C-alpha atoms as a PDB file:
ATOM      1  CA  MET A   1      21.714  89.614  68.740  1.00  0.00           C
ATOM      2  CA  SER A   2      19.039  90.952  66.198  1.00  0.00           C
ATOM      3  CA  THR A   3      16.492  88.744  64.628  1.00  0.00           C
ATOM      4  CA  PRO A   4      17.816  88.986  61.031  1.00  0.00           C
ATOM      5  CA  THR A   5      21.325  87.990  62.268  1.00  0.00           C
ATOM      6  CA  ARG A   6      19.659  84.905  64.105  1.00  0.00           C
ATOM      7  CA  ARG A   7      18.074  84.094  60.883  1.00  0.00           C
ATOM      8  CA  ALA A   8      21.289  84.701  58.686  1.00  0.00           C
ATOM      9  CA  LEU A   9      23.222  82.271  60.985  1.00  0.00           C
ATOM     10  CA  LEU A  10      20.652  79.760  61.199  1.00  0.00           C
ATOM     11  CA  ALA A  11      20.582  79.467  57.489  1.00  0.00           C
ATOM     12  CA  ALA A  12      24.119  79.270  57.169  1.00  0.00           C
ATOM     13  CA  ALA A  13      24.315  76.580  59.304  1.00  0.00           C
ATOM     14  CA  LEU A  14      21.905  74.672  57.510  1.00  0.00           C
ATOM     15  CA  ALA A  15      23.293  75.378  54.189  1.00  0.00           C
ATOM     16  CA  LEU A  16      26.956  74.100  55.593  1.00  0.00           C
ATOM     17  CA  PRO A  17      26.053  70.244  55.234  1.00  0.00           C
ATOM     18  CA  ALA A  18      24.792  70.938  51.513  1.00  0.00           C
ATOM     19  CA  LEU A  19      27.794  72.809  50.633  1.00  0.00           C
ATOM     20  CA  ARG A  20      30.137  70.351  51.983  1.00  0.00           C
ATOM     21  CA  ALA A  21      28.127  67.076  50.039  1.00  0.00           C
ATOM     22  CA  ALA A  22      28.306  69.330  47.054  1.00  0.00           C
ATOM     23  CA  ARG A  23      31.967  69.997  47.305  1.00  0.00           C
ATOM     24  CA  ALA A  24      32.499  66.136  47.924  1.00  0.00           C
ATOM     25  CA  GLN A  25      30.570  65.408  44.680  1.00  0.00           C
ATOM     26  CA  ALA A  26      32.375  67.712  42.532  1.00  0.00           C
ATOM     27  CA  TRP A  27      35.791  66.522  43.873  1.00  0.00           C
ATOM     28  CA  PRO A  28      38.246  66.135  42.049  1.00  0.00           C
ATOM     29  CA  THR A  29      38.457  68.836  39.995  1.00  0.00           C
ATOM     30  CA  ARG A  30      42.494  69.096  39.624  1.00  0.00           C
ATOM     31  CA  PRO A  31      44.923  66.316  40.163  1.00  0.00           C
ATOM     32  CA  VAL A  32      45.110  64.474  43.354  1.00  0.00           C
ATOM     33  CA  SER A  33      48.576  63.620  45.086  1.00  0.00           C
ATOM     34  CA  MET A  34      48.960  60.052  46.533  1.00  0.00           C
ATOM     35  CA  VAL A  35      52.017  60.249  48.870  1.00  0.00           C
ATOM     36  CA  ASN A  36      54.046  56.981  49.348  1.00  0.00           C
ATOM     37  CA  PRO A  37      56.452  57.255  52.217  1.00  0.00           C
ATOM     38  CA  TRP A  38      58.991  54.665  50.561  1.00  0.00           C
ATOM     39  CA  PRO A  39      61.676  54.659  47.796  1.00  0.00           C
ATOM     40  CA  PRO A  40      60.142  53.997  44.332  1.00  0.00           C
ATOM     41  CA  GLY A  41      60.373  50.554  43.249  1.00  0.00           C
ATOM     42  CA  GLY A  42      59.417  48.555  46.249  1.00  0.00           C
ATOM     43  CA  SER A  43      56.034  46.838  46.612  1.00  0.00           C
ATOM     44  CA  SER A  44      54.200  49.446  48.410  1.00  0.00           C
ATOM     45  CA  ASP A  45      55.180  51.578  45.637  1.00  0.00           C
ATOM     46  CA  THR A  46      54.220  49.413  42.847  1.00  0.00           C
ATOM     47  CA  MET A  47      50.749  48.820  44.630  1.00  0.00           C
ATOM     48  CA  ALA A  48      50.237  52.518  45.025  1.00  0.00           C
ATOM     49  CA  ARG A  49      50.687  53.481  41.252  1.00  0.00           C
ATOM     50  CA  LEU A  50      48.414  50.293  40.844  1.00  0.00           C
ATOM     51  CA  PHE A  51      45.621  52.084  42.685  1.00  0.00           C
ATOM     52  CA  ALA A  52      46.870  55.492  41.561  1.00  0.00           C
ATOM     53  CA  GLN A  53      45.986  54.597  37.859  1.00  0.00           C
ATOM     54  CA  ARG A  54      42.654  52.745  38.710  1.00  0.00           C
ATOM     55  CA  PHE A  55      41.498  55.803  40.635  1.00  0.00           C
ATOM     56  CA  SER A  56      42.720  58.187  37.748  1.00  0.00           C
ATOM     57  CA  ASP A  57      40.478  56.149  35.366  1.00  0.00           C
ATOM     58  CA  LYS A  58      37.510  56.054  37.345  1.00  0.00           C
ATOM     59  CA  LEU A  59      37.740  59.849  38.501  1.00  0.00           C
ATOM     60  CA  GLY A  60      38.696  61.348  35.053  1.00  0.00           C
ATOM     61  CA  GLN A  61      41.586  63.410  36.985  1.00  0.00           C
ATOM     62  CA  ALA A  62      45.338  62.344  37.381  1.00  0.00           C
ATOM     63  CA  VAL A  63      46.210  60.725  40.612  1.00  0.00           C
ATOM     64  CA  VAL A  64      49.958  61.082  40.708  1.00  0.00           C
ATOM     65  CA  VAL A  65      52.120  59.228  43.189  1.00  0.00           C
ATOM     66  CA  GLU A  66      54.364  61.387  45.081  1.00  0.00           C
ATOM     67  CA  ASN A  67      57.366  59.485  46.722  1.00  0.00           C
ATOM     68  CA  ARG A  68      58.478  61.084  50.269  1.00  0.00           C
ATOM     69  CA  ALA A  69      60.916  58.597  51.597  1.00  0.00           C
ATOM     70  CA  GLY A  70      62.901  58.182  54.925  1.00  0.00           C
ATOM     71  CA  ALA A  71      62.606  57.806  58.628  1.00  0.00           C
ATOM     72  CA  SER A  72      60.638  54.477  58.398  1.00  0.00           C
ATOM     73  CA  GLY A  73      57.892  56.364  56.315  1.00  0.00           C
ATOM     74  CA  THR A  74      57.572  59.189  58.851  1.00  0.00           C
ATOM     75  CA  ILE A  75      58.793  61.895  56.825  1.00  0.00           C
ATOM     76  CA  GLY A  76      56.015  61.296  53.888  1.00  0.00           C
ATOM     77  CA  HIS A  77      53.324  60.871  56.909  1.00  0.00           C
ATOM     78  CA  ASN A  78      54.678  64.295  58.511  1.00  0.00           C
ATOM     79  CA  HIS A  79      54.084  65.813  55.052  1.00  0.00           C
ATOM     80  CA  VAL A  80      50.609  64.617  54.725  1.00  0.00           C
ATOM     81  CA  ALA A  81      49.496  65.811  58.120  1.00  0.00           C
ATOM     82  CA  GLN A  82      50.324  69.123  57.243  1.00  0.00           C
ATOM     83  CA  GLN A  83      48.086  69.012  54.306  1.00  0.00           C
ATOM     84  CA  ARG A  84      44.609  70.411  53.729  1.00  0.00           C
ATOM     85  CA  PRO A  85      41.905  67.550  54.415  1.00  0.00           C
ATOM     86  CA  ASP A  86      40.163  68.089  50.983  1.00  0.00           C
ATOM     87  CA  GLY A  87      40.946  64.879  49.375  1.00  0.00           C
ATOM     88  CA  TYR A  88      43.591  66.346  47.111  1.00  0.00           C
ATOM     89  CA  THR A  89      46.365  64.762  49.189  1.00  0.00           C
ATOM     90  CA  LEU A  90      46.044  60.846  50.104  1.00  0.00           C
ATOM     91  CA  LEU A  91      48.431  58.672  51.778  1.00  0.00           C
ATOM     92  CA  PHE A  92      49.311  55.106  50.848  1.00  0.00           C
ATOM     93  CA  ALA A  93      50.622  53.977  54.073  1.00  0.00           C
ATOM     94  CA  THR A  94      52.048  50.711  55.417  1.00  0.00           C
ATOM     95  CA  ASN A  95      51.451  49.013  58.912  1.00  0.00           C
ATOM     96  CA  SER A  96      55.488  49.572  59.591  1.00  0.00           C
ATOM     97  CA  THR A  97      55.067  53.250  59.776  1.00  0.00           C
ATOM     98  CA  TYR A  98      51.068  53.600  61.234  1.00  0.00           C
ATOM     99  CA  ALA A  99      51.304  50.821  63.711  1.00  0.00           C
ATOM    100  CA  ILE A 100      54.798  50.215  64.280  1.00  0.00           C
ATOM    101  CA  ALA A 101      57.246  53.303  64.003  1.00  0.00           C
ATOM    102  CA  PRO A 102      55.122  55.475  66.655  1.00  0.00           C
ATOM    103  CA  HIS A 103      56.365  52.883  69.323  1.00  0.00           C
ATOM    104  CA  LEU A 104      59.936  53.230  68.271  1.00  0.00           C
ATOM    105  CA  ILE A 105      60.601  56.981  66.945  1.00  0.00           C
ATOM    106  CA  THR A 106      59.717  59.302  69.842  1.00  0.00           C
ATOM    107  CA  PRO A 107      58.645  62.046  69.745  1.00  0.00           C
ATOM    108  CA  LEU A 108      57.127  61.994  66.233  1.00  0.00           C
ATOM    109  CA  PRO A 109      56.495  65.358  64.493  1.00  0.00           C
ATOM    110  CA  TYR A 110      52.644  64.561  64.570  1.00  0.00           C
ATOM    111  CA  ASP A 111      50.275  62.802  66.581  1.00  0.00           C
ATOM    112  CA  ASN A 112      49.771  59.433  64.788  1.00  0.00           C
ATOM    113  CA  ARG A 113      46.300  58.962  65.577  1.00  0.00           C
ATOM    114  CA  ARG A 114      45.172  62.589  65.455  1.00  0.00           C
ATOM    115  CA  ALA A 115      46.858  63.630  62.258  1.00  0.00           C
ATOM    116  CA  PHE A 116      45.342  61.515  59.801  1.00  0.00           C
ATOM    117  CA  THR A 117      41.697  59.870  58.581  1.00  0.00           C
ATOM    118  CA  GLY A 118      41.839  56.072  57.924  1.00  0.00           C
ATOM    119  CA  ILE A 119      39.993  55.384  54.968  1.00  0.00           C
ATOM    120  CA  SER A 120      40.434  51.668  54.296  1.00  0.00           C
ATOM    121  CA  LEU A 121      42.963  48.926  53.947  1.00  0.00           C
ATOM    122  CA  VAL A 122      44.022  47.936  50.704  1.00  0.00           C
ATOM    123  CA  ALA A 123      46.277  44.787  50.563  1.00  0.00           C
ATOM    124  CA  ARG A 124      48.138  42.643  52.785  1.00  0.00           C
ATOM    125  CA  THR A 125      51.386  41.080  51.723  1.00  0.00           C
ATOM    126  CA  ALA A 126      52.488  37.474  53.217  1.00  0.00           C
ATOM    127  CA  GLN A 127      56.089  37.333  54.235  1.00  0.00           C
ATOM    128  CA  SER A 128      57.746  33.790  53.851  1.00  0.00           C
ATOM    129  CA  LEU A 129      60.294  32.572  56.304  1.00  0.00           C
ATOM    130  CA  CYS A 130      63.351  31.740  54.080  1.00  0.00           C
ATOM    131  CA  VAL A 131      66.817  30.111  54.921  1.00  0.00           C
ATOM    132  CA  HIS A 132      69.904  29.690  53.107  1.00  0.00           C
ATOM    133  CA  PRO A 133      70.126  26.370  51.355  1.00  0.00           C
ATOM    134  CA  SER A 134      73.402  25.701  53.618  1.00  0.00           C
ATOM    135  CA  LEU A 135      71.134  25.381  56.542  1.00  0.00           C
ATOM    136  CA  PRO A 136      70.086  21.531  57.322  1.00  0.00           C
ATOM    137  CA  VAL A 137      66.451  22.346  57.619  1.00  0.00           C
ATOM    138  CA  ALA A 138      63.596  21.103  55.100  1.00  0.00           C
ATOM    139  CA  ASN A 139      60.691  22.437  57.461  1.00  0.00           C
ATOM    140  CA  ILE A 140      59.550  24.524  60.288  1.00  0.00           C
ATOM    141  CA  GLY A 141      59.862  21.796  62.761  1.00  0.00           C
ATOM    142  CA  GLU A 142      63.378  20.865  61.589  1.00  0.00           C
ATOM    143  CA  PHE A 143      64.196  24.664  61.947  1.00  0.00           C
ATOM    144  CA  LEU A 144      63.048  25.228  65.214  1.00  0.00           C
ATOM    145  CA  ALA A 145      64.870  22.146  66.487  1.00  0.00           C
ATOM    146  CA  HIS A 146      68.225  23.417  65.155  1.00  0.00           C
ATOM    147  CA  VAL A 147      67.844  27.018  66.376  1.00  0.00           C
ATOM    148  CA  ARG A 148      67.255  25.377  69.976  1.00  0.00           C
ATOM    149  CA  ALA A 149      69.901  23.417  69.517  1.00  0.00           C
ATOM    150  CA  ASN A 150      72.110  26.233  68.787  1.00  0.00           C
ATOM    151  CA  PRO A 151      70.820  29.370  70.767  1.00  0.00           C
ATOM    152  CA  GLY A 152      72.734  32.432  69.902  1.00  0.00           C
ATOM    153  CA  THR A 153      74.606  31.135  66.824  1.00  0.00           C
ATOM    154  CA  VAL A 154      72.047  31.444  64.030  1.00  0.00           C
ATOM    155  CA  ASN A 155      71.525  35.054  62.358  1.00  0.00           C
ATOM    156  CA  PHE A 156      68.740  36.735  60.729  1.00  0.00           C
ATOM    157  CA  SER A 157      68.660  39.495  58.681  1.00  0.00           C
ATOM    158  CA  SER A 158      65.811  42.441  58.343  1.00  0.00           C
ATOM    159  CA  ALA A 159      64.904  45.573  56.482  1.00  0.00           C
ATOM    160  CA  GLY A 160      65.947  47.489  59.544  1.00  0.00           C
ATOM    161  CA  ILE A 161      65.107  47.812  63.212  1.00  0.00           C
ATOM    162  CA  GLY A 162      61.176  47.943  63.425  1.00  0.00           C
ATOM    163  CA  ALA A 163      60.614  46.899  59.843  1.00  0.00           C
ATOM    164  CA  THR A 164      57.963  44.124  59.483  1.00  0.00           C
ATOM    165  CA  SER A 165      60.699  41.817  58.762  1.00  0.00           C
ATOM    166  CA  HIS A 166      61.978  42.203  61.864  1.00  0.00           C
ATOM    167  CA  LEU A 167      59.323  42.543  64.218  1.00  0.00           C
ATOM    168  CA  ALA A 168      58.018  39.295  62.252  1.00  0.00           C
ATOM    169  CA  MET A 169      61.050  37.728  63.425  1.00  0.00           C
ATOM    170  CA  GLU A 170      60.857  38.864  66.874  1.00  0.00           C
ATOM    171  CA  LEU A 171      57.102  37.474  66.972  1.00  0.00           C
ATOM    172  CA  LEU A 172      58.516  33.978  66.101  1.00  0.00           C
ATOM    173  CA  LEU A 173      61.269  34.315  68.587  1.00  0.00           C
ATOM    174  CA  ALA A 174      58.849  35.049  71.472  1.00  0.00           C
ATOM    175  CA  ALA A 175      56.431  32.724  70.211  1.00  0.00           C
ATOM    176  CA  ALA A 176      58.451  29.700  69.836  1.00  0.00           C
ATOM    177  CA  ASN A 177      61.298  30.653  72.905  1.00  0.00           C
ATOM    178  CA  LEU A 178      64.116  31.303  70.249  1.00  0.00           C
ATOM    179  CA  ASP A 179      67.262  32.704  70.656  1.00  0.00           C
ATOM    180  CA  MET A 180      68.937  34.069  67.181  1.00  0.00           C
ATOM    181  CA  VAL A 181      71.126  37.198  66.194  1.00  0.00           C
ATOM    182  CA  HIS A 182      69.670  40.158  64.510  1.00  0.00           C
ATOM    183  CA  VAL A 183      71.544  41.818  61.620  1.00  0.00           C
ATOM    184  CA  PRO A 184      69.751  44.881  60.224  1.00  0.00           C
ATOM    185  CA  TYR A 185      70.067  46.249  56.659  1.00  0.00           C
ATOM    186  CA  ARG A 186      68.452  49.269  54.862  1.00  0.00           C
ATOM    187  CA  GLY A 187      66.095  47.846  53.269  1.00  0.00           C
ATOM    188  CA  GLY A 188      64.184  44.476  52.008  1.00  0.00           C
ATOM    189  CA  ALA A 189      66.179  44.212  49.143  1.00  0.00           C
ATOM    190  CA  PRO A 190      69.782  44.312  50.972  1.00  0.00           C
ATOM    191  CA  SER A 191      68.001  41.859  53.733  1.00  0.00           C
ATOM    192  CA  ALA A 192      67.270  39.535  51.102  1.00  0.00           C
ATOM    193  CA  GLN A 193      70.392  39.884  49.177  1.00  0.00           C
ATOM    194  CA  ALA A 194      72.343  38.836  52.468  1.00  0.00           C
ATOM    195  CA  VAL A 195      70.367  35.463  52.992  1.00  0.00           C
ATOM    196  CA  LEU A 196      71.168  34.395  49.102  1.00  0.00           C
ATOM    197  CA  ALA A 197      74.626  35.391  49.882  1.00  0.00           C
ATOM    198  CA  GLY A 198      74.833  33.508  52.804  1.00  0.00           C
ATOM    199  CA  GLU A 199      75.967  36.201  54.790  1.00  0.00           C
ATOM    200  CA  THR A 200      72.872  35.368  57.054  1.00  0.00           C
ATOM    201  CA  LYS A 201      71.056  32.253  57.093  1.00  0.00           C
ATOM    202  CA  VAL A 202      67.224  33.336  57.812  1.00  0.00           C
ATOM    203  CA  SER A 203      64.675  36.245  56.762  1.00  0.00           C
ATOM    204  CA  PHE A 204      61.292  36.984  56.488  1.00  0.00           C
ATOM    205  CA  ILE A 205      60.985  38.145  52.876  1.00  0.00           C
ATOM    206  CA  ASP A 206      57.933  39.130  50.798  1.00  0.00           C
ATOM    207  CA  ALA A 207      56.454  35.831  49.196  1.00  0.00           C
ATOM    208  CA  VAL A 208      56.745  37.376  45.672  1.00  0.00           C
ATOM    209  CA  THR A 209      60.288  38.180  46.025  1.00  0.00           C
ATOM    210  CA  ALA A 210      61.142  34.767  47.438  1.00  0.00           C
ATOM    211  CA  LEU A 211      59.421  32.868  44.533  1.00  0.00           C
ATOM    212  CA  PRO A 212      61.845  33.099  41.898  1.00  0.00           C
ATOM    213  CA  HIS A 213      64.684  32.253  44.297  1.00  0.00           C
ATOM    214  CA  ARG A 214      62.931  29.031  45.690  1.00  0.00           C
ATOM    215  CA  GLN A 215      62.600  28.086  42.137  1.00  0.00           C
ATOM    216  CA  ALA A 216      66.157  28.516  41.415  1.00  0.00           C
ATOM    217  CA  GLY A 217      67.342  26.423  44.577  1.00  0.00           C
ATOM    218  CA  SER A 218      68.877  29.584  46.066  1.00  0.00           C
ATOM    219  CA  LEU A 219      66.170  29.890  48.734  1.00  0.00           C
ATOM    220  CA  LYS A 220      64.277  27.609  50.694  1.00  0.00           C
ATOM    221  CA  MET A 221      60.900  28.671  51.931  1.00  0.00           C
ATOM    222  CA  LEU A 222      59.587  27.134  55.133  1.00  0.00           C
ATOM    223  CA  ALA A 223      56.539  28.731  55.763  1.00  0.00           C
ATOM    224  CA  VAL A 224      54.295  31.881  55.546  1.00  0.00           C
ATOM    225  CA  SER A 225      53.618  34.393  58.071  1.00  0.00           C
ATOM    226  CA  THR A 226      49.511  34.828  57.405  1.00  0.00           C
ATOM    227  CA  ALA A 227      46.774  33.086  58.600  1.00  0.00           C
ATOM    228  CA  THR A 228      46.005  31.667  55.610  1.00  0.00           C
ATOM    229  CA  ARG A 229      48.334  30.163  52.666  1.00  0.00           C
ATOM    230  CA  SER A 230      49.843  32.630  50.117  1.00  0.00           C
ATOM    231  CA  PRO A 231      48.149  31.956  46.524  1.00  0.00           C
ATOM    232  CA  LEU A 232      51.429  32.236  44.939  1.00  0.00           C
ATOM    233  CA  ALA A 233      52.886  29.187  46.981  1.00  0.00           C
ATOM    234  CA  PRO A 234      49.871  27.276  48.167  1.00  0.00           C
ATOM    235  CA  ASP A 235      52.213  24.388  48.908  1.00  0.00           C
ATOM    236  CA  VAL A 236      54.051  26.305  51.630  1.00  0.00           C
ATOM    237  CA  PRO A 237      52.462  25.957  55.038  1.00  0.00           C
ATOM    238  CA  THR A 238      51.572  28.706  57.477  1.00  0.00           C
ATOM    239  CA  LEU A 239      53.462  29.122  60.632  1.00  0.00           C
ATOM    240  CA  GLN A 240      50.225  28.603  62.588  1.00  0.00           C
ATOM    241  CA  GLU A 241      49.881  25.064  60.552  1.00  0.00           C
ATOM    242  CA  ALA A 242      53.540  24.479  61.271  1.00  0.00           C
ATOM    243  CA  GLY A 243      52.896  24.698  65.113  1.00  0.00           C
ATOM    244  CA  VAL A 244      53.544  28.338  65.900  1.00  0.00           C
ATOM    245  CA  ALA A 245      50.064  28.825  67.562  1.00  0.00           C
ATOM    246  CA  GLY A 246      48.126  32.231  66.790  1.00  0.00           C
ATOM    247  CA  PHE A 247      51.569  33.596  64.828  1.00  0.00           C
ATOM    248  CA  GLU A 248      50.280  36.044  62.318  1.00  0.00           C
ATOM    249  CA  SER A 249      52.109  38.984  60.338  1.00  0.00           C
ATOM    250  CA  SER A 250      51.923  40.715  57.336  1.00  0.00           C
ATOM    251  CA  THR A 251      52.728  44.050  55.527  1.00  0.00           C
ATOM    252  CA  ASP A 252      49.537  45.827  55.688  1.00  0.00           C
ATOM    253  CA  MET A 253      49.061  48.487  53.143  1.00  0.00           C
ATOM    254  CA  ALA A 254      46.202  51.146  53.453  1.00  0.00           C
ATOM    255  CA  LEU A 255      44.830  54.436  52.286  1.00  0.00           C
ATOM    256  CA  MET A 256      44.571  57.728  54.468  1.00  0.00           C
ATOM    257  CA  ALA A 257      44.363  61.369  54.358  1.00  0.00           C
ATOM    258  CA  PRO A 258      45.008  64.023  56.826  1.00  0.00           C
ATOM    259  CA  ALA A 259      42.592  64.419  59.509  1.00  0.00           C
ATOM    260  CA  GLY A 260      39.263  66.083  58.984  1.00  0.00           C
ATOM    261  CA  LEU A 261      38.567  64.619  55.508  1.00  0.00           C
ATOM    262  CA  PRO A 262      34.849  64.641  55.411  1.00  0.00           C
ATOM    263  CA  ALA A 263      33.033  61.456  56.223  1.00  0.00           C
ATOM    264  CA  ASP A 264      31.405  61.570  52.795  1.00  0.00           C
ATOM    265  CA  LEU A 265      34.646  61.802  50.775  1.00  0.00           C
ATOM    266  CA  ALA A 266      36.301  59.147  53.167  1.00  0.00           C
ATOM    267  CA  ASN A 267      33.219  56.916  52.600  1.00  0.00           C
ATOM    268  CA  ARG A 268      33.491  57.145  48.754  1.00  0.00           C
ATOM    269  CA  LEU A 269      37.050  56.702  48.555  1.00  0.00           C
ATOM    270  CA  ALA A 270      36.577  53.464  50.424  1.00  0.00           C
ATOM    271  CA  MET A 271      33.917  52.652  48.127  1.00  0.00           C
ATOM    272  CA  MET A 272      36.566  53.030  45.666  1.00  0.00           C
ATOM    273  CA  VAL A 273      38.884  50.871  47.095  1.00  0.00           C
ATOM    274  CA  LYS A 274      35.986  47.942  47.608  1.00  0.00           C
ATOM    275  CA  GLU A 275      34.961  48.393  44.046  1.00  0.00           C
ATOM    276  CA  ALA A 276      38.714  47.799  42.912  1.00  0.00           C
ATOM    277  CA  VAL A 277      39.409  44.972  45.132  1.00  0.00           C
ATOM    278  CA  GLU A 278      36.124  43.348  43.822  1.00  0.00           C
ATOM    279  CA  ASP A 279      36.957  43.859  40.304  1.00  0.00           C
ATOM    280  CA  PRO A 280      38.261  40.307  39.119  1.00  0.00           C
ATOM    281  CA  ALA A 281      40.649  41.628  36.782  1.00  0.00           C
ATOM    282  CA  PHE A 282      42.108  44.084  39.067  1.00  0.00           C
ATOM    283  CA  ARG A 283      41.896  41.669  41.801  1.00  0.00           C
ATOM    284  CA  ALA A 284      44.122  39.364  39.755  1.00  0.00           C
ATOM    285  CA  ARG A 285      46.715  41.950  39.301  1.00  0.00           C
ATOM    286  CA  ILE A 286      47.053  42.348  42.893  1.00  0.00           C
ATOM    287  CA  VAL A 287      47.276  38.827  43.510  1.00  0.00           C
ATOM    288  CA  ALA A 288      50.198  38.558  41.092  1.00  0.00           C
ATOM    289  CA  LEU A 289      51.912  41.225  42.805  1.00  0.00           C
ATOM    290  CA  GLY A 290      51.907  38.840  45.925  1.00  0.00           C
ATOM    291  CA  ALA A 291      49.079  40.438  47.910  1.00  0.00           C
ATOM    292  CA  ASP A 292      46.017  39.649  49.146  1.00  0.00           C
ATOM    293  CA  PRO A 293      43.436  42.186  48.655  1.00  0.00           C
ATOM    294  CA  VAL A 294      41.330  43.543  51.245  1.00  0.00           C
ATOM    295  CA  GLY A 295      38.980  46.783  51.323  1.00  0.00           C
ATOM    296  CA  GLY A 296      36.852  47.611  54.181  1.00  0.00           C
ATOM    297  CA  THR A 297      34.997  51.028  55.733  1.00  0.00           C
ATOM    298  CA  PRO A 298      36.833  53.600  57.744  1.00  0.00           C
ATOM    299  CA  THR A 299      35.144  52.629  60.780  1.00  0.00           C
ATOM    300  CA  GLU A 300      36.591  48.986  60.320  1.00  0.00           C
ATOM    301  CA  PHE A 301      39.914  50.797  59.482  1.00  0.00           C
ATOM    302  CA  ASP A 302      39.871  52.116  62.784  1.00  0.00           C
ATOM    303  CA  ALA A 303      39.017  49.506  64.844  1.00  0.00           C
ATOM    304  CA  TYR A 304      41.885  47.589  62.821  1.00  0.00           C
ATOM    305  CA  TRP A 305      44.246  50.313  63.546  1.00  0.00           C
ATOM    306  CA  THR A 306      43.682  50.275  67.230  1.00  0.00           C
ATOM    307  CA  ARG A 307      44.421  46.286  67.381  1.00  0.00           C
ATOM    308  CA  GLU A 308      47.595  46.487  65.025  1.00  0.00           C
ATOM    309  CA  SER A 309      49.178  49.197  67.136  1.00  0.00           C
ATOM    310  CA  GLU A 310      48.244  47.534  70.290  1.00  0.00           C
ATOM    311  CA  LYS A 311      49.903  44.170  69.038  1.00  0.00           C
ATOM    312  CA  TRP A 312      53.015  45.867  67.936  1.00  0.00           C
ATOM    313  CA  GLY A 313      53.338  47.978  70.746  1.00  0.00           C
ATOM    314  CA  GLY A 314      53.237  45.287  73.113  1.00  0.00           C
ATOM    315  CA  LEU A 315      56.016  43.021  71.200  1.00  0.00           C
ATOM    316  CA  ILE A 316      58.039  46.104  71.070  1.00  0.00           C
ATOM    317  CA  ARG A 317      57.720  46.810  74.697  1.00  0.00           C
ATOM    318  CA  ALA A 318      58.193  43.120  75.708  1.00  0.00           C
ATOM    319  CA  ARG A 319      61.371  42.473  73.595  1.00  0.00           C
ATOM    320  CA  ASN A 320      62.962  45.797  74.493  1.00  0.00           C
ATOM    321  CA  ILE A 321      63.378  46.773  71.185  1.00  0.00           C
ATOM    322  CA  ARG A 322      64.880  50.147  70.863  1.00  0.00           C
ATOM    323  CA  PRO A 323      65.588  52.201  67.475  1.00  0.00           C
ATOM    324  CA  PRO A 324      69.387  52.606  66.335  1.00  0.00           C
ATOM    325  CA  SER A 325      71.188  55.312  68.335  1.00  0.00           C
END
């Protein structure tokens, strides 16, 4: 190789980081797609649109939510996995897909850990353990005693096999040594409606969804699933407080992107999330939707992602949970 050629290659190599930084600084110069792998109208969709509007306002470019639902969110994830890592396709994901689905849906059309860049946790939604008013219990202690006295007869609904509402109940069954009958539905809304109608007696339901029914007397909220109480229902104890040691479950929403997203762009997006969740007015809007704002760095998300996947993968194997045939 001639000396001029070596010099040219060296100059190109030295210029590459500066070129990448300049491109990241210029981003975005056109609209950005934020893929939500769930149908319109759900809690993740509402949250995605809240953040998309915030980003649009801050960036001066439209951030448009694109719903690509199906197969426990994996259809939307597969679409994002095939896009260029240039910041123009983002993924608003939930742990039911990035931490749970890979243990139930095999083979996936993408490599779950290698296909994406994790950017930041965004918000965490508490689930509430709700029972139909006909169930003769007023608190978690009475509920546990009732189920133990009637093994295999109390039924519970979920948003489907592998949904966070399903696995939260499986976690409770394992932690408290309970025996109940699972009745899966296609989505959180029909699952909640089943409890309201008395078709099932128990379910984990997002706190923001359950509260109006609690106030109307058509549901009893016994506990929340997170480690701390929900700001929407501060009088409702956590399952840990009620005696189920170590219990913690939630719907965790996160911002992700295709693998290979430049680190400076990933950090910039994470900082945008951090600024959003620390803004008092914006934070209040998240809380009003029944969620706890989170935030964090790509490095923090990667460590969390590993822990979350191991937690639910271990439960799925221990409980021999299988996808529908």
